[in-house]
């Protein structure tokens, strides 16, 4: 009989419209009234996408230069050069002077002549040095941050296997190096309506035929036999299709490049369930006997 687990941290209560807790390896939980600290800014900036990161850098760069251009324009263009008589030309000149100052390029075409302009431009140069040091640190943090590159099959399958039903999914490394001692643990959450008509969750350890191996050079198919010890045993194939289920997965392995353990989260729900299919072969051989791994075959399934 399947052993019920204690609440792993997402609560027993549920409702008909409850969303998945983990989506594409990321938490789908919304936090409200959460206190924020300066540490959150660093964590946020090293985890966002590259386009968004460079978008923030570009916007910050433009805004700072606009701010100092307005300040320089307010104290007077005469503090830097003779006015051209055109407001937009004078402002653009001060904007580009600000850009040259904050980047410490200093082409020399224009320079502060008054004391106030000199003090402000010196302060801007200091801000520029600190800002670019901060951005350099963020770039190093983004490049040096270890990140697992595990690919999971899009579907999970239920099929006949060794005289009984089995649930299967597949994983592989999107990099070319070996994964040392990969280990996968899975918890299944089944949402059902109780006698009071309310929805509640039950959590079970999803026992896998093998959940840890020495190394993984190819693809790995994880198998959960749906026998008397499975929480899915009492459901027919048709009932499985209608079942509200989420499978939480934690994958860990030793990464040679970083010489440390890496972790990756993933989840499935039964909208991704296929019944009566099997995975295609995970590898082939070339004419010289080398093992060939086609990454496009990770999601290739065959009707049984």
C-alpha atoms as a PDB file:
ATOM      1  CA  UNK A   1       0.000   0.000   0.000  1.00  0.00           C
ATOM      2  CA  UNK A   2       1.258   3.489  -0.846  1.00  0.00           C
ATOM      3  CA  UNK A   3       2.669   5.424   2.100  1.00  0.00           C
ATOM      4  CA  UNK A   4       1.228   8.903   2.571  1.00  0.00           C
ATOM      5  CA  UNK A   5       3.820  11.632   3.167  1.00  0.00           C
ATOM      6  CA  UNK A   6       3.508  14.592   5.450  1.00  0.00           C
ATOM      7  CA  UNK A   7       2.957  17.982   3.830  1.00  0.00           C
ATOM      8  CA  UNK A   8       6.199  18.808   1.940  1.00  0.00           C
ATOM      9  CA  UNK A   9       5.496  22.537   2.177  1.00  0.00           C
ATOM     10  CA  UNK A  10       2.650  23.364  -0.183  1.00  0.00           C
ATOM     11  CA  UNK A  11      -0.288  22.547   2.104  1.00  0.00           C
ATOM     12  CA  UNK A  12      -3.064  19.974   1.963  1.00  0.00           C
ATOM     13  CA  UNK A  13      -5.851  22.313   0.889  1.00  0.00           C
ATOM     14  CA  UNK A  14      -6.665  22.824  -2.760  1.00  0.00           C
ATOM     15  CA  UNK A  15      -9.440  23.970  -5.076  1.00  0.00           C
ATOM     16  CA  UNK A  16     -10.704  23.281  -8.543  1.00  0.00           C
ATOM     17  CA  UNK A  17      -8.609  26.074 -10.113  1.00  0.00           C
ATOM     18  CA  UNK A  18      -5.368  25.436  -8.213  1.00  0.00           C
ATOM     19  CA  UNK A  19      -2.314  26.125 -10.386  1.00  0.00           C
ATOM     20  CA  UNK A  20       0.820  23.999 -10.497  1.00  0.00           C
ATOM     21  CA  UNK A  21       3.388  24.775  -7.795  1.00  0.00           C
ATOM     22  CA  UNK A  22       6.425  24.154 -10.039  1.00  0.00           C
ATOM     23  CA  UNK A  23       6.370  25.212 -13.698  1.00  0.00           C
ATOM     24  CA  UNK A  24       9.390  24.674 -15.973  1.00  0.00           C
ATOM     25  CA  UNK A  25      11.635  24.209 -12.967  1.00  0.00           C
ATOM     26  CA  UNK A  26      10.582  27.484 -11.324  1.00  0.00           C
ATOM     27  CA  UNK A  27       8.320  28.201  -8.378  1.00  0.00           C
ATOM     28  CA  UNK A  28       4.802  29.245  -9.384  1.00  0.00           C
ATOM     29  CA  UNK A  29       3.961  30.505  -5.884  1.00  0.00           C
ATOM     30  CA  UNK A  30       3.127  34.211  -5.519  1.00  0.00           C
ATOM     31  CA  UNK A  31       4.426  35.975  -2.386  1.00  0.00           C
ATOM     32  CA  UNK A  32       2.596  38.917  -0.838  1.00  0.00           C
ATOM     33  CA  UNK A  33       3.685  41.283   1.956  1.00  0.00           C
ATOM     34  CA  UNK A  34       7.231  39.956   1.654  1.00  0.00           C
ATOM     35  CA  UNK A  35       9.898  42.274   3.101  1.00  0.00           C
ATOM     36  CA  UNK A  36      12.590  43.148   0.579  1.00  0.00           C
ATOM     37  CA  UNK A  37      16.299  43.757   1.188  1.00  0.00           C
ATOM     38  CA  UNK A  38      19.228  44.885  -0.950  1.00  0.00           C
ATOM     39  CA  UNK A  39      20.301  41.232  -1.196  1.00  0.00           C
ATOM     40  CA  UNK A  40      17.155  40.544  -3.206  1.00  0.00           C
ATOM     41  CA  UNK A  41      18.375  42.943  -5.922  1.00  0.00           C
ATOM     42  CA  UNK A  42      21.581  40.957  -6.513  1.00  0.00           C
ATOM     43  CA  UNK A  43      19.708  37.649  -6.554  1.00  0.00           C
ATOM     44  CA  UNK A  44      17.158  39.066  -8.988  1.00  0.00           C
ATOM     45  CA  UNK A  45      19.737  40.541 -11.367  1.00  0.00           C
ATOM     46  CA  UNK A  46      21.795  37.353 -11.691  1.00  0.00           C
ATOM     47  CA  UNK A  47      18.750  35.162 -12.335  1.00  0.00           C
ATOM     48  CA  UNK A  48      16.782  37.191 -14.903  1.00  0.00           C
ATOM     49  CA  UNK A  49      17.166  36.568 -18.631  1.00  0.00           C
ATOM     50  CA  UNK A  50      20.065  38.096 -20.559  1.00  0.00           C
ATOM     51  CA  UNK A  51      17.850  40.393 -22.699  1.00  0.00           C
ATOM     52  CA  UNK A  52      16.135  41.748 -19.581  1.00  0.00           C
ATOM     53  CA  UNK A  53      19.481  42.198 -17.808  1.00  0.00           C
ATOM     54  CA  UNK A  54      21.001  44.187 -20.677  1.00  0.00           C
ATOM     55  CA  UNK A  55      17.742  46.099 -20.998  1.00  0.00           C
ATOM     56  CA  UNK A  56      18.090  47.251 -17.381  1.00  0.00           C
ATOM     57  CA  UNK A  57      21.746  48.194 -17.953  1.00  0.00           C
ATOM     58  CA  UNK A  58      20.883  50.238 -21.050  1.00  0.00           C
ATOM     59  CA  UNK A  59      17.929  51.981 -19.380  1.00  0.00           C
ATOM     60  CA  UNK A  60      20.003  52.783 -16.297  1.00  0.00           C
ATOM     61  CA  UNK A  61      22.820  54.141 -18.442  1.00  0.00           C
ATOM     62  CA  UNK A  62      20.478  56.425 -20.406  1.00  0.00           C
ATOM     63  CA  UNK A  63      18.595  57.631 -17.316  1.00  0.00           C
ATOM     64  CA  UNK A  64      21.763  58.543 -15.393  1.00  0.00           C
ATOM     65  CA  UNK A  65      23.134  60.481 -18.354  1.00  0.00           C
ATOM     66  CA  UNK A  66      19.812  62.266 -18.844  1.00  0.00           C
ATOM     67  CA  UNK A  67      19.783  63.208 -15.157  1.00  0.00           C
ATOM     68  CA  UNK A  68      23.272  64.715 -15.225  1.00  0.00           C
ATOM     69  CA  UNK A  69      22.603  66.384 -18.578  1.00  0.00           C
ATOM     70  CA  UNK A  70      19.597  68.137 -16.998  1.00  0.00           C
ATOM     71  CA  UNK A  71      21.733  69.176 -13.995  1.00  0.00           C
ATOM     72  CA  UNK A  72      24.498  70.534 -16.245  1.00  0.00           C
ATOM     73  CA  UNK A  73      21.934  72.337 -18.373  1.00  0.00           C
ATOM     74  CA  UNK A  74      20.399  73.856 -15.235  1.00  0.00           C
ATOM     75  CA  UNK A  75      23.707  75.278 -13.974  1.00  0.00           C
ATOM     76  CA  UNK A  76      24.371  76.672 -17.457  1.00  0.00           C
ATOM     77  CA  UNK A  77      25.996  75.638 -20.714  1.00  0.00           C
ATOM     78  CA  UNK A  78      28.488  78.458 -20.167  1.00  0.00           C
ATOM     79  CA  UNK A  79      30.134  76.331 -17.451  1.00  0.00           C
ATOM     80  CA  UNK A  80      31.324  74.039 -20.264  1.00  0.00           C
ATOM     81  CA  UNK A  81      31.332  75.923 -23.576  1.00  0.00           C
ATOM     82  CA  UNK A  82      29.723  78.809 -25.384  1.00  0.00           C
ATOM     83  CA  UNK A  83      26.051  78.310 -26.120  1.00  0.00           C
ATOM     84  CA  UNK A  84      25.096  77.515 -29.702  1.00  0.00           C
ATOM     85  CA  UNK A  85      21.775  79.279 -29.239  1.00  0.00           C
ATOM     86  CA  UNK A  86      19.892  76.053 -29.885  1.00  0.00           C
ATOM     87  CA  UNK A  87      18.467  74.392 -26.753  1.00  0.00           C
ATOM     88  CA  UNK A  88      18.409  70.860 -28.181  1.00  0.00           C
ATOM     89  CA  UNK A  89      21.952  71.116 -29.525  1.00  0.00           C
ATOM     90  CA  UNK A  90      23.236  72.402 -26.165  1.00  0.00           C
ATOM     91  CA  UNK A  91      21.370  69.659 -24.268  1.00  0.00           C
ATOM     92  CA  UNK A  92      22.658  66.894 -26.560  1.00  0.00           C
ATOM     93  CA  UNK A  93      26.188  68.258 -26.117  1.00  0.00           C
ATOM     94  CA  UNK A  94      25.827  68.021 -22.339  1.00  0.00           C
ATOM     95  CA  UNK A  95      24.296  64.529 -22.631  1.00  0.00           C
ATOM     96  CA  UNK A  96      27.298  63.248 -24.585  1.00  0.00           C
ATOM     97  CA  UNK A  97      29.658  65.023 -22.161  1.00  0.00           C
ATOM     98  CA  UNK A  98      27.894  63.139 -19.365  1.00  0.00           C
ATOM     99  CA  UNK A  99      28.335  59.836 -21.255  1.00  0.00           C
ATOM    100  CA  UNK A 100      32.051  60.547 -21.735  1.00  0.00           C
ATOM    101  CA  UNK A 101      32.443  61.466 -18.059  1.00  0.00           C
ATOM    102  CA  UNK A 102      30.586  58.468 -16.578  1.00  0.00           C
ATOM    103  CA  UNK A 103      32.561  56.057 -18.769  1.00  0.00           C
ATOM    104  CA  UNK A 104      35.823  57.981 -18.060  1.00  0.00           C
ATOM    105  CA  UNK A 105      36.459  58.193 -21.823  1.00  0.00           C
ATOM    106  CA  UNK A 106      36.955  61.972 -21.873  1.00  0.00           C
ATOM    107  CA  UNK A 107      37.573  62.862 -25.527  1.00  0.00           C
ATOM    108  CA  UNK A 108      38.571  66.407 -24.545  1.00  0.00           C
ATOM    109  CA  UNK A 109      36.254  68.218 -26.953  1.00  0.00           C
ATOM    110  CA  UNK A 110      34.420  69.727 -23.998  1.00  0.00           C
ATOM    111  CA  UNK A 111      35.499  70.170 -20.377  1.00  0.00           C
ATOM    112  CA  UNK A 112      34.040  71.786 -17.246  1.00  0.00           C
ATOM    113  CA  UNK A 113      35.349  75.298 -16.714  1.00  0.00           C
ATOM    114  CA  UNK A 114      33.540  76.388 -13.543  1.00  0.00           C
ATOM    115  CA  UNK A 115      34.054  75.027 -10.022  1.00  0.00           C
ATOM    116  CA  UNK A 116      30.482  73.751  -9.692  1.00  0.00           C
ATOM    117  CA  UNK A 117      30.652  71.966 -13.050  1.00  0.00           C
ATOM    118  CA  UNK A 118      33.984  70.427 -12.043  1.00  0.00           C
ATOM    119  CA  UNK A 119      32.591  69.142  -8.734  1.00  0.00           C
ATOM    120  CA  UNK A 120      29.500  67.647 -10.402  1.00  0.00           C
ATOM    121  CA  UNK A 121      31.478  65.979 -13.191  1.00  0.00           C
ATOM    122  CA  UNK A 122      33.915  64.526 -10.647  1.00  0.00           C
ATOM    123  CA  UNK A 123      30.991  63.129  -8.666  1.00  0.00           C
ATOM    124  CA  UNK A 124      29.535  61.651 -11.849  1.00  0.00           C
ATOM    125  CA  UNK A 125      32.866  59.989 -12.656  1.00  0.00           C
ATOM    126  CA  UNK A 126      32.796  58.365  -9.194  1.00  0.00           C
ATOM    127  CA  UNK A 127      29.256  57.103  -9.814  1.00  0.00           C
ATOM    128  CA  UNK A 128      30.422  55.731 -13.159  1.00  0.00           C
ATOM    129  CA  UNK A 129      33.313  53.802 -11.594  1.00  0.00           C
ATOM    130  CA  UNK A 130      31.044  52.324  -8.925  1.00  0.00           C
ATOM    131  CA  UNK A 131      28.284  51.486 -11.418  1.00  0.00           C
ATOM    132  CA  UNK A 132      30.557  49.680 -13.844  1.00  0.00           C
ATOM    133  CA  UNK A 133      32.217  47.804 -10.983  1.00  0.00           C
ATOM    134  CA  UNK A 134      28.750  46.667  -9.876  1.00  0.00           C
ATOM    135  CA  UNK A 135      27.817  45.613 -13.421  1.00  0.00           C
ATOM    136  CA  UNK A 136      31.128  43.751 -13.801  1.00  0.00           C
ATOM    137  CA  UNK A 137      30.391  41.870 -10.584  1.00  0.00           C
ATOM    138  CA  UNK A 138      26.935  40.965 -11.862  1.00  0.00           C
ATOM    139  CA  UNK A 139      28.368  39.748 -15.177  1.00  0.00           C
ATOM    140  CA  UNK A 140      30.870  37.566 -13.316  1.00  0.00           C
ATOM    141  CA  UNK A 141      28.105  36.254 -11.071  1.00  0.00           C
ATOM    142  CA  UNK A 142      25.909  35.394 -14.053  1.00  0.00           C
ATOM    143  CA  UNK A 143      28.688  33.597 -15.924  1.00  0.00           C
ATOM    144  CA  UNK A 144      30.138  31.784 -12.893  1.00  0.00           C
ATOM    145  CA  UNK A 145      26.797  30.719 -11.405  1.00  0.00           C
ATOM    146  CA  UNK A 146      26.566  26.919 -11.774  1.00  0.00           C
ATOM    147  CA  UNK A 147      23.452  25.858 -13.604  1.00  0.00           C
ATOM    148  CA  UNK A 148      22.218  22.391 -14.409  1.00  0.00           C
ATOM    149  CA  UNK A 149      21.169  21.778 -18.007  1.00  0.00           C
ATOM    150  CA  UNK A 150      18.850  18.805 -17.651  1.00  0.00           C
ATOM    151  CA  UNK A 151      16.152  18.202 -20.254  1.00  0.00           C
ATOM    152  CA  UNK A 152      12.997  16.321 -19.313  1.00  0.00           C
ATOM    153  CA  UNK A 153      10.655  14.612 -21.742  1.00  0.00           C
ATOM    154  CA  UNK A 154       7.559  16.639 -22.535  1.00  0.00           C
ATOM    155  CA  UNK A 155       5.211  13.724 -21.812  1.00  0.00           C
ATOM    156  CA  UNK A 156       4.919  11.087 -19.137  1.00  0.00           C
ATOM    157  CA  UNK A 157       3.755   7.679 -20.298  1.00  0.00           C
ATOM    158  CA  UNK A 158       1.672   4.896 -18.806  1.00  0.00           C
ATOM    159  CA  UNK A 159       2.154   1.551 -20.579  1.00  0.00           C
ATOM    160  CA  UNK A 160       2.280  -2.181 -20.074  1.00  0.00           C
ATOM    161  CA  UNK A 161       5.656  -3.162 -18.628  1.00  0.00           C
ATOM    162  CA  UNK A 162       6.830  -6.545 -17.356  1.00  0.00           C
ATOM    163  CA  UNK A 163       3.292  -7.811 -16.923  1.00  0.00           C
ATOM    164  CA  UNK A 164       1.916  -4.713 -15.179  1.00  0.00           C
ATOM    165  CA  UNK A 165       1.379  -1.041 -15.811  1.00  0.00           C
ATOM    166  CA  UNK A 166       4.180   1.462 -15.340  1.00  0.00           C
ATOM    167  CA  UNK A 167       4.548   5.247 -15.414  1.00  0.00           C
ATOM    168  CA  UNK A 168       7.631   6.504 -17.267  1.00  0.00           C
ATOM    169  CA  UNK A 169       9.426   9.729 -18.131  1.00  0.00           C
ATOM    170  CA  UNK A 170      12.861  10.435 -19.526  1.00  0.00           C
ATOM    171  CA  UNK A 171      15.774  12.780 -18.780  1.00  0.00           C
ATOM    172  CA  UNK A 172      19.031  13.679 -20.467  1.00  0.00           C
ATOM    173  CA  UNK A 173      21.940  16.097 -20.168  1.00  0.00           C
ATOM    174  CA  UNK A 174      21.867  18.880 -22.758  1.00  0.00           C
ATOM    175  CA  UNK A 175      25.653  19.241 -22.323  1.00  0.00           C
ATOM    176  CA  UNK A 176      28.222  16.745 -23.636  1.00  0.00           C
ATOM    177  CA  UNK A 177      30.005  15.955 -20.370  1.00  0.00           C
ATOM    178  CA  UNK A 178      29.138  12.987 -18.144  1.00  0.00           C
ATOM    179  CA  UNK A 179      26.761  13.433 -15.231  1.00  0.00           C
ATOM    180  CA  UNK A 180      28.391  11.778 -12.206  1.00  0.00           C
ATOM    181  CA  UNK A 181      26.119   9.931  -9.737  1.00  0.00           C
ATOM    182  CA  UNK A 182      22.821  11.390 -10.991  1.00  0.00           C
ATOM    183  CA  UNK A 183      19.970  10.900  -8.549  1.00  0.00           C
ATOM    184  CA  UNK A 184      16.287  11.661  -8.960  1.00  0.00           C
ATOM    185  CA  UNK A 185      13.626  11.863  -6.273  1.00  0.00           C
ATOM    186  CA  UNK A 186       9.941  12.319  -7.020  1.00  0.00           C
ATOM    187  CA  UNK A 187       6.861  13.101  -4.937  1.00  0.00           C
ATOM    188  CA  UNK A 188       3.380  12.766  -6.379  1.00  0.00           C
ATOM    189  CA  UNK A 189       0.511  14.984  -5.298  1.00  0.00           C
ATOM    190  CA  UNK A 190      -2.999  13.688  -5.940  1.00  0.00           C
ATOM    191  CA  UNK A 191      -5.896  16.115  -5.509  1.00  0.00           C
ATOM    192  CA  UNK A 192      -9.267  14.527  -4.731  1.00  0.00           C
ATOM    193  CA  UNK A 193     -12.643  15.648  -3.434  1.00  0.00           C
ATOM    194  CA  UNK A 194     -13.366  14.512   0.140  1.00  0.00           C
ATOM    195  CA  UNK A 195     -16.711  13.525   1.676  1.00  0.00           C
ATOM    196  CA  UNK A 196     -17.457  17.186   2.444  1.00  0.00           C
ATOM    197  CA  UNK A 197     -17.085  18.155  -1.187  1.00  0.00           C
ATOM    198  CA  UNK A 198     -13.808  20.013  -0.576  1.00  0.00           C
ATOM    199  CA  UNK A 199     -10.624  19.432  -2.539  1.00  0.00           C
ATOM    200  CA  UNK A 200      -7.560  18.220  -0.636  1.00  0.00           C
ATOM    201  CA  UNK A 201      -4.090  17.043  -1.560  1.00  0.00           C
ATOM    202  CA  UNK A 202      -2.360  13.814  -0.596  1.00  0.00           C
ATOM    203  CA  UNK A 203       1.379  13.372  -1.055  1.00  0.00           C
ATOM    204  CA  UNK A 204       3.182  10.120  -1.765  1.00  0.00           C
ATOM    205  CA  UNK A 205       6.774   9.155  -2.439  1.00  0.00           C
ATOM    206  CA  UNK A 206       6.936   7.983  -6.046  1.00  0.00           C
ATOM    207  CA  UNK A 207       8.975   4.793  -5.841  1.00  0.00           C
ATOM    208  CA  UNK A 208      11.147   4.385  -8.916  1.00  0.00           C
ATOM    209  CA  UNK A 209      12.667   1.175 -10.219  1.00  0.00           C
ATOM    210  CA  UNK A 210      16.050   2.909 -10.123  1.00  0.00           C
ATOM    211  CA  UNK A 211      16.550   6.443  -8.842  1.00  0.00           C
ATOM    212  CA  UNK A 212      20.365   6.626  -8.709  1.00  0.00           C
ATOM    213  CA  UNK A 213      23.085   5.461 -11.100  1.00  0.00           C
ATOM    214  CA  UNK A 214      26.873   5.888 -11.311  1.00  0.00           C
ATOM    215  CA  UNK A 215      26.952   8.093 -14.398  1.00  0.00           C
ATOM    216  CA  UNK A 216      24.723   9.060 -17.299  1.00  0.00           C
ATOM    217  CA  UNK A 217      26.217   9.256 -20.802  1.00  0.00           C
ATOM    218  CA  UNK A 218      22.915   8.880 -22.693  1.00  0.00           C
ATOM    219  CA  UNK A 219      19.216   9.219 -21.827  1.00  0.00           C
ATOM    220  CA  UNK A 220      17.674   7.803 -18.681  1.00  0.00           C
ATOM    221  CA  UNK A 221      14.129   6.452 -18.543  1.00  0.00           C
ATOM    222  CA  UNK A 222      12.644   6.549 -15.042  1.00  0.00           C
ATOM    223  CA  UNK A 223      10.126   3.808 -14.292  1.00  0.00           C
ATOM    224  CA  UNK A 224       7.465   3.705 -11.576  1.00  0.00           C
ATOM    225  CA  UNK A 225       5.606   0.393 -11.491  1.00  0.00           C
ATOM    226  CA  UNK A 226       1.900   0.814 -10.805  1.00  0.00           C
ATOM    227  CA  UNK A 227       1.508  -2.112  -8.426  1.00  0.00           C
ATOM    228  CA  UNK A 228      -0.086  -2.566  -4.981  1.00  0.00           C
ATOM    229  CA  UNK A 229       2.471  -0.171  -3.475  1.00  0.00           C
ATOM    230  CA  UNK A 230       1.689   2.606  -5.948  1.00  0.00           C
ATOM    231  CA  UNK A 231      -0.732   5.459  -5.121  1.00  0.00           C
ATOM    232  CA  UNK A 232      -2.011   5.121  -8.716  1.00  0.00           C
ATOM    233  CA  UNK A 233      -2.871   1.419  -8.459  1.00  0.00           C
ATOM    234  CA  UNK A 234      -6.572   1.926  -7.718  1.00  0.00           C
ATOM    235  CA  UNK A 235      -7.152   4.074 -10.800  1.00  0.00           C
ATOM    236  CA  UNK A 236      -7.926   2.718 -14.243  1.00  0.00           C
ATOM    237  CA  UNK A 237      -6.348   4.187 -17.359  1.00  0.00           C
ATOM    238  CA  UNK A 238      -9.478   6.247 -18.017  1.00  0.00           C
ATOM    239  CA  UNK A 239      -9.523   7.513 -14.420  1.00  0.00           C
ATOM    240  CA  UNK A 240      -5.847   8.471 -14.670  1.00  0.00           C
ATOM    241  CA  UNK A 241      -6.664  10.823 -17.562  1.00  0.00           C
ATOM    242  CA  UNK A 242      -9.155  12.711 -15.370  1.00  0.00           C
ATOM    243  CA  UNK A 243      -7.008  12.716 -12.235  1.00  0.00           C
ATOM    244  CA  UNK A 244      -5.583  15.993 -10.872  1.00  0.00           C
ATOM    245  CA  UNK A 245      -1.960  15.104 -10.279  1.00  0.00           C
ATOM    246  CA  UNK A 246       1.336  16.943  -9.996  1.00  0.00           C
ATOM    247  CA  UNK A 247       4.678  15.165  -9.787  1.00  0.00           C
ATOM    248  CA  UNK A 248       7.481  17.156  -8.116  1.00  0.00           C
ATOM    249  CA  UNK A 249      10.969  16.127  -9.222  1.00  0.00           C
ATOM    250  CA  UNK A 250      14.376  16.955  -7.756  1.00  0.00           C
ATOM    251  CA  UNK A 251      17.315  15.958  -9.926  1.00  0.00           C
ATOM    252  CA  UNK A 252      20.866  16.231  -8.611  1.00  0.00           C
ATOM    253  CA  UNK A 253      24.269  15.190  -9.878  1.00  0.00           C
ATOM    254  CA  UNK A 254      27.970  16.034  -9.584  1.00  0.00           C
ATOM    255  CA  UNK A 255      29.129  18.486 -12.246  1.00  0.00           C
ATOM    256  CA  UNK A 256      32.787  18.059 -13.276  1.00  0.00           C
ATOM    257  CA  UNK A 257      33.141  21.592 -14.670  1.00  0.00           C
ATOM    258  CA  UNK A 258      32.188  23.238 -11.343  1.00  0.00           C
ATOM    259  CA  UNK A 259      33.307  20.356  -9.097  1.00  0.00           C
ATOM    260  CA  UNK A 260      30.115  20.505  -7.069  1.00  0.00           C
ATOM    261  CA  UNK A 261      26.602  19.112  -6.896  1.00  0.00           C
ATOM    262  CA  UNK A 262      23.969  20.778  -9.064  1.00  0.00           C
ATOM    263  CA  UNK A 263      20.217  20.575  -8.634  1.00  0.00           C
ATOM    264  CA  UNK A 264      17.292  21.064 -10.962  1.00  0.00           C
ATOM    265  CA  UNK A 265      13.555  21.100 -10.261  1.00  0.00           C
ATOM    266  CA  UNK A 266      10.856  19.919 -12.599  1.00  0.00           C
ATOM    267  CA  UNK A 267       7.224  18.920 -12.452  1.00  0.00           C
ATOM    268  CA  UNK A 268       4.601  17.135 -14.489  1.00  0.00           C
ATOM    269  CA  UNK A 269       0.843  17.106 -14.392  1.00  0.00           C
ATOM    270  CA  UNK A 270      -1.445  14.595 -16.019  1.00  0.00           C
ATOM    271  CA  UNK A 271      -2.263  16.945 -18.887  1.00  0.00           C
ATOM    272  CA  UNK A 272       1.079  15.644 -20.162  1.00  0.00           C
ATOM    273  CA  UNK A 273       0.036  12.006 -19.744  1.00  0.00           C
ATOM    274  CA  UNK A 274       0.045   9.623 -22.706  1.00  0.00           C
ATOM    275  CA  UNK A 275      -1.362   6.122 -22.277  1.00  0.00           C
ATOM    276  CA  UNK A 276      -0.362   3.179 -24.480  1.00  0.00           C
ATOM    277  CA  UNK A 277       2.838   4.731 -25.838  1.00  0.00           C
ATOM    278  CA  UNK A 278       6.515   3.933 -25.353  1.00  0.00           C
ATOM    279  CA  UNK A 279       9.670   5.976 -25.792  1.00  0.00           C
ATOM    280  CA  UNK A 280      11.736   5.459 -28.924  1.00  0.00           C
ATOM    281  CA  UNK A 281      15.269   4.100 -28.622  1.00  0.00           C
ATOM    282  CA  UNK A 282      17.483   6.566 -26.781  1.00  0.00           C
ATOM    283  CA  UNK A 283      20.610   6.014 -28.881  1.00  0.00           C
ATOM    284  CA  UNK A 284      21.976   4.400 -32.042  1.00  0.00           C
ATOM    285  CA  UNK A 285      25.431   3.448 -33.376  1.00  0.00           C
ATOM    286  CA  UNK A 286      27.367   4.772 -36.353  1.00  0.00           C
ATOM    287  CA  UNK A 287      29.409   2.668 -38.768  1.00  0.00           C
ATOM    288  CA  UNK A 288      32.453   2.901 -36.488  1.00  0.00           C
ATOM    289  CA  UNK A 289      30.539   1.729 -33.430  1.00  0.00           C
ATOM    290  CA  UNK A 290      30.281   5.141 -31.729  1.00  0.00           C
ATOM    291  CA  UNK A 291      27.150   5.750 -29.670  1.00  0.00           C
ATOM    292  CA  UNK A 292      24.979   8.466 -31.181  1.00  0.00           C
ATOM    293  CA  UNK A 293      22.590  10.561 -29.085  1.00  0.00           C
ATOM    294  CA  UNK A 294      19.970  12.524 -30.983  1.00  0.00           C
ATOM    295  CA  UNK A 295      18.597  15.222 -28.675  1.00  0.00           C
ATOM    296  CA  UNK A 296      15.460  15.443 -30.810  1.00  0.00           C
ATOM    297  CA  UNK A 297      14.634  11.846 -29.815  1.00  0.00           C
ATOM    298  CA  UNK A 298      14.113  12.740 -26.164  1.00  0.00           C
ATOM    299  CA  UNK A 299      10.417  13.347 -26.814  1.00  0.00           C
ATOM    300  CA  UNK A 300       9.923  10.763 -29.534  1.00  0.00           C
ATOM    301  CA  UNK A 301       7.214   8.289 -28.566  1.00  0.00           C
ATOM    302  CA  UNK A 302       5.727   5.296 -30.383  1.00  0.00           C
ATOM    303  CA  UNK A 303       2.190   3.934 -30.172  1.00  0.00           C
ATOM    304  CA  UNK A 304       2.211   0.418 -28.718  1.00  0.00           C
END
